[in-house]
Amino acid sequence: MHQANGWTSTGLRWLDGAPRLTATDGRTRHDRPLTDGLPVAWRIAGPRRCTGASTARGHRPCPHHAAIEPDGTTTQCPTCQSADRGLQLARDRILDDGRSYRLYLAWFGPGLLKVGLTAEERGTVRLLEQAALTWTFVAHGPLPAVRRAELALAHAKLARERIPAAAKYPAWWTLPAAADRHAELTAGRTRALQLLARQPPAGHPLTLLPDHPVTDQVELYGLTAGAPDQYQQVKALSDGARLTGRLRRPIGGHLFLDPPAGPPLLLDTRLLTGWTLHAEPADTCDGLTLLPRARPAAEQDTLF
């Protein structure tokens, strides 16, 4: 990303199982593989712009070249949000599109089990994007059947439909062993399959997948030893801010960056989307709104 006028970030994407930072200069699109230890040095310039919508015909640039809020994780203007296929699905504005879908269970930490759906043609991308630590597919079928199954599991409180990023971060400090992660997920799958066998979606075929393998992505994300004991979460960027240092392996859409000095930074890459990035060496990070985070102290038994 070395254009004189900079590259506008269009987000972190998982392509063929590998993370890439995507960007455009207004004419061409570019993606950069994100590897462990990759050095970066960016000056961030505004205004921050909407990057468009994903539609049935592919990506559509924002027709208004609209400015968006500089300090939020929303990366689209209202017009593009309304046109975006993924948001239409999430908001139940598409009832059936003729495609086959999969129902998944994803584990993000103790007590953090999520149920969701993804188009079969997308493979495992949805699970990579969300930073699912352990996951499995539970069923597949047309959208109406899979959506009703998703709602049934959520209403029965067997799993949640949404788990915010703020709930995921603390779990990275205290991950149980792989066998325990596997056991918690498979126990949830057993309960889910039992409910769906008793209450199949009326009028729609749903194929249950009781023997689908369980996938663990903790090592892929570089979390085998957990998150750093102390780090600073980037809450907002600003025009003229600088990000410099070395990247660690992405965790879904999040990046840990080791700056030249001080604790690591954790960046939700949605905050980066829409800003223009200029490659400029620097010896510090600045222009960032930061929230310090630290591993909680272990509780100790006391006599009194």
Protein backbone atom coordinates (compact mmCIF):
# COMPACT_ATOMS: atom_id res chain seq x y z
CA MET A 1 0.00 0.00 0.00
CA HIS A 2 2.31 2.73 -1.27
CA GLN A 3 0.12 5.05 -3.33
CA ALA A 4 1.00 8.73 -3.06
CA ASN A 5 -2.63 9.55 -2.30
CA GLY A 6 -2.99 6.68 0.14
CA TRP A 7 -5.26 3.68 0.21
CA THR A 8 -8.72 3.68 1.78
CA SER A 9 -9.15 0.69 4.07
CA THR A 10 -12.12 -1.51 3.17
CA GLY A 11 -11.69 -3.94 6.04
CA LEU A 12 -10.11 -7.20 7.10
CA ARG A 13 -11.22 -10.20 5.03
CA TRP A 14 -10.55 -13.91 5.40
CA LEU A 15 -9.79 -15.30 1.95
CA ASP A 16 -9.01 -19.01 1.52
CA GLY A 17 -8.62 -19.31 5.29
CA ALA A 18 -6.04 -16.51 5.55
CA PRO A 19 -6.50 -12.90 6.79
CA ARG A 20 -5.93 -9.98 4.43
CA LEU A 21 -6.29 -6.24 4.85
CA THR A 22 -8.19 -4.87 1.86
CA ALA A 23 -8.08 -1.34 0.47
CA THR A 24 -8.83 0.74 -2.60
CA ASP A 25 -7.32 3.82 -4.23
CA GLY A 26 -10.62 4.64 -5.95
CA ARG A 27 -9.75 2.71 -9.10
CA THR A 28 -8.25 -0.60 -8.06
CA ARG A 29 -8.64 -2.90 -5.07
CA HIS A 30 -5.66 -4.28 -3.20
CA ASP A 31 -5.25 -6.80 -0.43
CA ARG A 32 -2.28 -7.39 1.83
CA PRO A 33 -1.69 -10.68 3.68
CA LEU A 34 -1.55 -10.16 7.44
CA THR A 35 1.18 -12.31 8.96
CA ASP A 36 2.56 -12.64 12.46
CA GLY A 37 5.26 -9.98 12.96
CA LEU A 38 4.30 -7.89 9.91
CA PRO A 39 5.63 -4.30 10.34
CA VAL A 40 3.20 -1.46 9.63
CA ALA A 41 3.52 2.33 9.77
CA TRP A 42 0.36 4.22 8.87
CA ARG A 43 -0.73 7.83 9.06
CA ILE A 44 -4.51 7.92 9.08
CA ALA A 45 -6.24 10.65 7.08
CA GLY A 46 -9.87 11.66 6.80
CA PRO A 47 -12.60 12.26 6.20
CA ARG A 48 -13.72 8.70 6.91
CA ARG A 49 -15.93 7.45 4.08
CA CYS A 50 -18.58 4.76 3.66
CA THR A 51 -17.11 1.83 1.73
CA GLY A 52 -20.34 0.61 0.11
CA ALA A 53 -22.48 -2.52 0.36
CA SER A 54 -22.38 -6.20 -0.54
CA THR A 55 -25.28 -7.04 -2.85
CA ALA A 56 -26.47 -10.07 -4.81
CA ARG A 57 -24.45 -8.73 -7.75
CA GLY A 58 -21.27 -8.20 -5.75
CA HIS A 59 -19.76 -5.21 -4.00
CA ARG A 60 -21.33 -1.83 -4.77
CA PRO A 61 -19.38 1.36 -3.94
CA CYS A 62 -21.22 3.99 -1.93
CA PRO A 63 -23.17 6.07 -4.49
CA HIS A 64 -22.89 9.17 -2.30
CA HIS A 65 -19.25 8.81 -1.22
CA ALA A 66 -20.76 9.58 2.18
CA ALA A 67 -18.81 10.58 5.25
CA ILE A 68 -19.38 8.41 8.34
CA GLU A 69 -18.74 8.91 12.04
CA PRO A 70 -15.00 8.94 12.78
CA ASP A 71 -15.15 7.00 16.04
CA GLY A 72 -17.62 4.12 15.54
CA THR A 73 -17.61 0.54 14.30
CA THR A 74 -20.40 1.27 11.80
CA THR A 75 -18.69 1.36 8.41
CA GLN A 76 -21.66 2.20 6.15
CA CYS A 77 -23.97 5.13 5.57
CA PRO A 78 -27.74 4.51 6.04
CA THR A 79 -28.27 4.02 2.28
CA CYS A 80 -25.62 1.31 2.04
CA GLN A 81 -26.80 -0.35 5.24
CA SER A 82 -30.27 -0.69 3.68
CA ALA A 83 -28.80 -2.24 0.51
CA ASP A 84 -26.34 -4.60 2.21
CA ARG A 85 -27.27 -8.26 1.75
CA GLY A 86 -25.70 -9.40 5.03
CA LEU A 87 -27.62 -6.80 7.04
CA GLN A 88 -30.84 -7.64 5.20
CA LEU A 89 -30.41 -11.27 6.27
CA ALA A 90 -29.60 -10.30 9.85
CA ARG A 91 -32.69 -8.09 10.00
CA ASP A 92 -34.99 -10.77 8.49
CA ARG A 93 -35.65 -8.68 5.38
CA ILE A 94 -34.76 -11.67 3.17
CA LEU A 95 -37.07 -14.60 3.93
CA ASP A 96 -35.69 -17.00 1.31
CA ASP A 97 -33.10 -16.55 -1.42
CA GLY A 98 -32.95 -20.08 -2.81
CA ARG A 99 -29.53 -20.81 -1.31
CA SER A 100 -28.57 -23.56 1.13
CA TYR A 101 -27.57 -22.47 4.64
CA ARG A 102 -25.79 -24.04 7.58
CA LEU A 103 -26.66 -23.66 11.24
CA TYR A 104 -23.60 -23.40 13.48
CA LEU A 105 -22.70 -23.33 17.15
CA ALA A 106 -19.65 -21.24 18.03
CA TRP A 107 -17.87 -21.11 21.40
CA PHE A 108 -16.18 -17.85 22.44
CA GLY A 109 -15.37 -18.68 26.06
CA PRO A 110 -16.92 -20.30 29.13
CA GLY A 111 -20.66 -19.63 29.01
CA LEU A 112 -20.37 -17.87 25.63
CA LEU A 113 -22.08 -20.15 23.13
CA LYS A 114 -23.54 -18.58 19.98
CA VAL A 115 -25.95 -19.95 17.39
CA GLY A 116 -25.96 -18.53 13.89
CA LEU A 117 -26.36 -19.25 10.21
CA THR A 118 -24.18 -18.83 7.16
CA ALA A 119 -24.66 -19.49 3.46
CA GLU A 120 -23.17 -22.88 2.56
CA GLU A 121 -21.24 -21.33 -0.33
CA ARG A 122 -19.28 -19.16 2.15
CA GLY A 123 -17.68 -22.19 3.77
CA THR A 124 -16.13 -21.32 7.14
CA VAL A 125 -15.51 -17.61 6.51
CA ARG A 126 -18.23 -16.49 8.93
CA LEU A 127 -16.63 -18.42 11.78
CA LEU A 128 -13.21 -16.90 11.03
CA GLU A 129 -14.64 -13.37 10.82
CA GLN A 130 -16.32 -13.64 14.22
CA ALA A 131 -13.20 -14.95 16.01
CA ALA A 132 -14.99 -18.18 16.95
CA LEU A 133 -12.57 -20.14 19.12
CA THR A 134 -14.27 -23.52 18.68
CA TRP A 135 -17.21 -24.31 16.42
CA THR A 136 -19.23 -26.93 14.58
CA PHE A 137 -22.07 -27.09 12.08
CA VAL A 138 -25.32 -28.50 13.48
CA ALA A 139 -27.71 -28.62 10.50
CA HIS A 140 -28.26 -27.43 6.96
CA GLY A 141 -31.21 -26.62 4.72
CA PRO A 142 -33.01 -23.69 3.06
CA LEU A 143 -32.95 -20.30 4.76
CA PRO A 144 -36.47 -20.48 6.30
CA ALA A 145 -35.72 -23.80 8.01
CA VAL A 146 -32.29 -22.80 9.28
CA ARG A 147 -33.53 -19.42 10.51
CA ARG A 148 -36.40 -21.05 12.45
CA ALA A 149 -33.94 -23.54 13.98
CA GLU A 150 -31.67 -20.65 14.99
CA LEU A 151 -34.56 -18.86 16.69
CA ALA A 152 -35.69 -22.05 18.45
CA LEU A 153 -32.26 -22.58 20.04
CA ALA A 154 -31.99 -18.92 21.03
CA HIS A 155 -35.50 -18.80 22.53
CA ALA A 156 -34.74 -21.98 24.50
CA LYS A 157 -31.62 -20.17 25.83
CA LEU A 158 -29.36 -22.96 24.62
CA ALA A 159 -27.20 -20.37 22.84
CA ARG A 160 -27.18 -16.65 22.10
CA GLU A 161 -27.83 -15.00 18.75
CA ARG A 162 -25.28 -12.27 19.43
CA ILE A 163 -22.14 -11.99 21.55
CA PRO A 164 -20.57 -8.50 21.50
CA ALA A 165 -16.83 -8.08 21.14
CA ALA A 166 -16.63 -6.62 24.66
CA ALA A 167 -17.74 -10.01 26.04
CA LYS A 168 -15.18 -11.91 23.96
CA TYR A 169 -12.05 -10.01 25.05
CA PRO A 170 -11.98 -11.11 28.74
CA ALA A 171 -12.35 -14.76 27.74
CA TRP A 172 -9.04 -14.61 25.87
CA TRP A 173 -7.19 -14.34 29.21
CA THR A 174 -8.57 -17.54 30.74
CA LEU A 175 -9.11 -20.10 28.00
CA PRO A 176 -9.57 -23.67 29.27
CA ALA A 177 -7.71 -26.58 27.69
CA ALA A 178 -8.69 -27.71 24.20
CA ALA A 179 -10.41 -30.82 25.56
CA ASP A 180 -12.58 -28.67 27.84
CA ARG A 181 -13.47 -26.31 24.99
CA HIS A 182 -14.43 -29.30 22.87
CA ALA A 183 -16.51 -30.80 25.69
CA GLU A 184 -18.49 -27.59 26.32
CA LEU A 185 -19.27 -27.17 22.64
CA THR A 186 -20.27 -30.80 22.09
CA ALA A 187 -22.52 -30.70 25.15
CA GLY A 188 -24.24 -27.67 23.67
CA ARG A 189 -24.57 -29.47 20.34
CA THR A 190 -26.19 -32.47 22.02
CA ARG A 191 -28.82 -30.25 23.64
CA ALA A 192 -29.39 -28.40 20.36
CA LEU A 193 -29.85 -31.59 18.34
CA GLN A 194 -32.26 -33.00 20.91
CA LEU A 195 -34.41 -29.87 20.74
CA LEU A 196 -34.40 -29.75 16.93
CA ALA A 197 -35.29 -33.46 16.73
CA ARG A 198 -38.30 -32.84 19.00
CA GLN A 199 -39.30 -29.57 17.32
CA PRO A 200 -38.33 -29.64 13.61
CA PRO A 201 -39.18 -26.48 11.62
CA ALA A 202 -42.70 -27.03 10.30
CA GLY A 203 -43.02 -27.15 6.54
CA HIS A 204 -39.30 -26.90 5.75
CA PRO A 205 -36.68 -29.64 5.37
CA LEU A 206 -33.78 -29.46 7.84
CA THR A 207 -30.96 -31.99 7.83
CA LEU A 208 -29.25 -32.47 11.19
CA LEU A 209 -25.47 -32.99 11.31
CA PRO A 210 -24.81 -34.91 14.56
CA ASP A 211 -21.32 -36.07 13.55
CA HIS A 212 -19.87 -32.91 12.03
CA PRO A 213 -16.27 -32.36 13.22
CA VAL A 214 -15.46 -29.77 15.87
CA THR A 215 -12.92 -27.16 14.74
CA ASP A 216 -10.65 -25.31 17.19
CA GLN A 217 -9.12 -22.01 16.01
CA VAL A 218 -7.26 -20.91 19.15
CA GLU A 219 -3.82 -21.71 17.71
CA LEU A 220 -4.72 -20.07 14.39
CA TYR A 221 -5.42 -16.81 16.26
CA GLY A 222 -2.21 -17.01 18.31
CA LEU A 223 -4.13 -17.37 21.57
CA THR A 224 -2.61 -20.62 22.82
CA ALA A 225 -1.05 -18.70 25.72
CA GLY A 226 -3.98 -16.28 25.94
CA ALA A 227 -4.10 -12.54 25.33
CA PRO A 228 -1.37 -10.20 26.62
CA ASP A 229 -1.62 -9.62 30.39
CA GLN A 230 -1.86 -5.89 29.73
CA TYR A 231 -2.83 -4.03 26.58
CA GLN A 232 -4.64 -0.91 25.44
CA GLN A 233 -7.83 -1.23 23.43
CA VAL A 234 -8.19 1.33 20.64
CA LYS A 235 -11.62 2.89 21.11
CA ALA A 236 -11.38 5.48 18.33
CA LEU A 237 -9.09 6.84 15.62
CA SER A 238 -8.82 10.42 14.44
CA ASP A 239 -7.62 12.33 11.39
CA GLY A 240 -3.82 12.43 11.58
CA ALA A 241 -3.51 9.48 13.97
CA ARG A 242 -0.51 7.17 13.61
CA LEU A 243 -0.34 3.41 13.98
CA THR A 244 3.11 1.88 13.88
CA GLY A 245 4.58 -1.38 15.12
CA ARG A 246 4.39 -5.10 14.39
CA LEU A 247 1.15 -7.01 13.98
CA ARG A 248 0.33 -10.28 15.66
CA ARG A 249 -1.95 -12.89 14.10
CA PRO A 250 -5.44 -11.48 13.54
CA ILE A 251 -8.22 -12.74 15.80
CA GLY A 252 -11.27 -12.61 13.58
CA GLY A 253 -11.50 -8.91 12.74
CA HIS A 254 -9.18 -7.80 15.55
CA LEU A 255 -5.47 -7.02 15.49
CA PHE A 256 -2.93 -6.91 18.29
CA LEU A 257 -0.13 -4.50 17.41
CA ASP A 258 3.16 -4.21 19.30
CA PRO A 259 4.16 -0.52 19.14
CA PRO A 260 7.76 0.76 19.43
CA ALA A 261 7.17 1.40 23.16
CA GLY A 262 4.51 0.51 25.71
CA PRO A 263 1.96 -2.29 25.94
CA PRO A 264 0.33 -3.88 22.89
CA LEU A 265 -2.66 -2.23 21.23
CA LEU A 266 -5.86 -4.07 20.32
CA LEU A 267 -7.62 -2.69 17.24
CA ASP A 268 -11.08 -3.67 15.99
CA THR A 269 -10.41 -3.26 12.26
CA ARG A 270 -13.93 -1.92 11.72
CA LEU A 271 -12.55 1.28 13.26
CA LEU A 272 -9.95 1.39 10.48
CA THR A 273 -12.43 0.88 7.65
CA GLY A 274 -13.17 4.03 5.66
CA TRP A 275 -10.01 5.91 6.68
CA THR A 276 -7.22 6.61 4.18
CA LEU A 277 -3.90 5.01 5.11
CA HIS A 278 -0.57 6.58 4.17
CA ALA A 279 2.63 4.58 4.62
CA GLU A 280 4.82 6.87 6.74
CA PRO A 281 7.51 5.72 9.19
CA ALA A 282 7.05 6.93 12.76
CA ASP A 283 8.53 6.07 16.15
CA THR A 284 5.30 6.32 18.12
CA CYS A 285 1.53 5.79 17.98
CA ASP A 286 -0.61 8.85 18.61
CA GLY A 287 -4.01 10.35 17.91
CA LEU A 288 -5.72 7.29 19.43
CA THR A 289 -8.41 7.05 22.10
CA LEU A 290 -7.26 4.18 24.33
CA LEU A 291 -8.81 2.04 27.06
CA PRO A 292 -6.31 0.22 29.33
CA ARG A 293 -7.08 -3.45 29.94
CA ALA A 294 -5.36 -5.86 32.32
CA ARG A 295 -5.78 -9.49 33.27
CA PRO A 296 -7.81 -9.63 36.51
CA ALA A 297 -5.81 -10.63 39.56
CA ALA A 298 -6.39 -14.18 40.69
CA GLU A 299 -8.78 -14.41 43.63
CA GLN A 300 -7.24 -15.70 46.84
CA ASP A 301 -8.89 -17.46 49.72
CA THR A 302 -8.70 -15.52 52.99
CA LEU A 303 -9.10 -16.51 56.61
CA PHE A 304 -11.47 -13.65 57.38
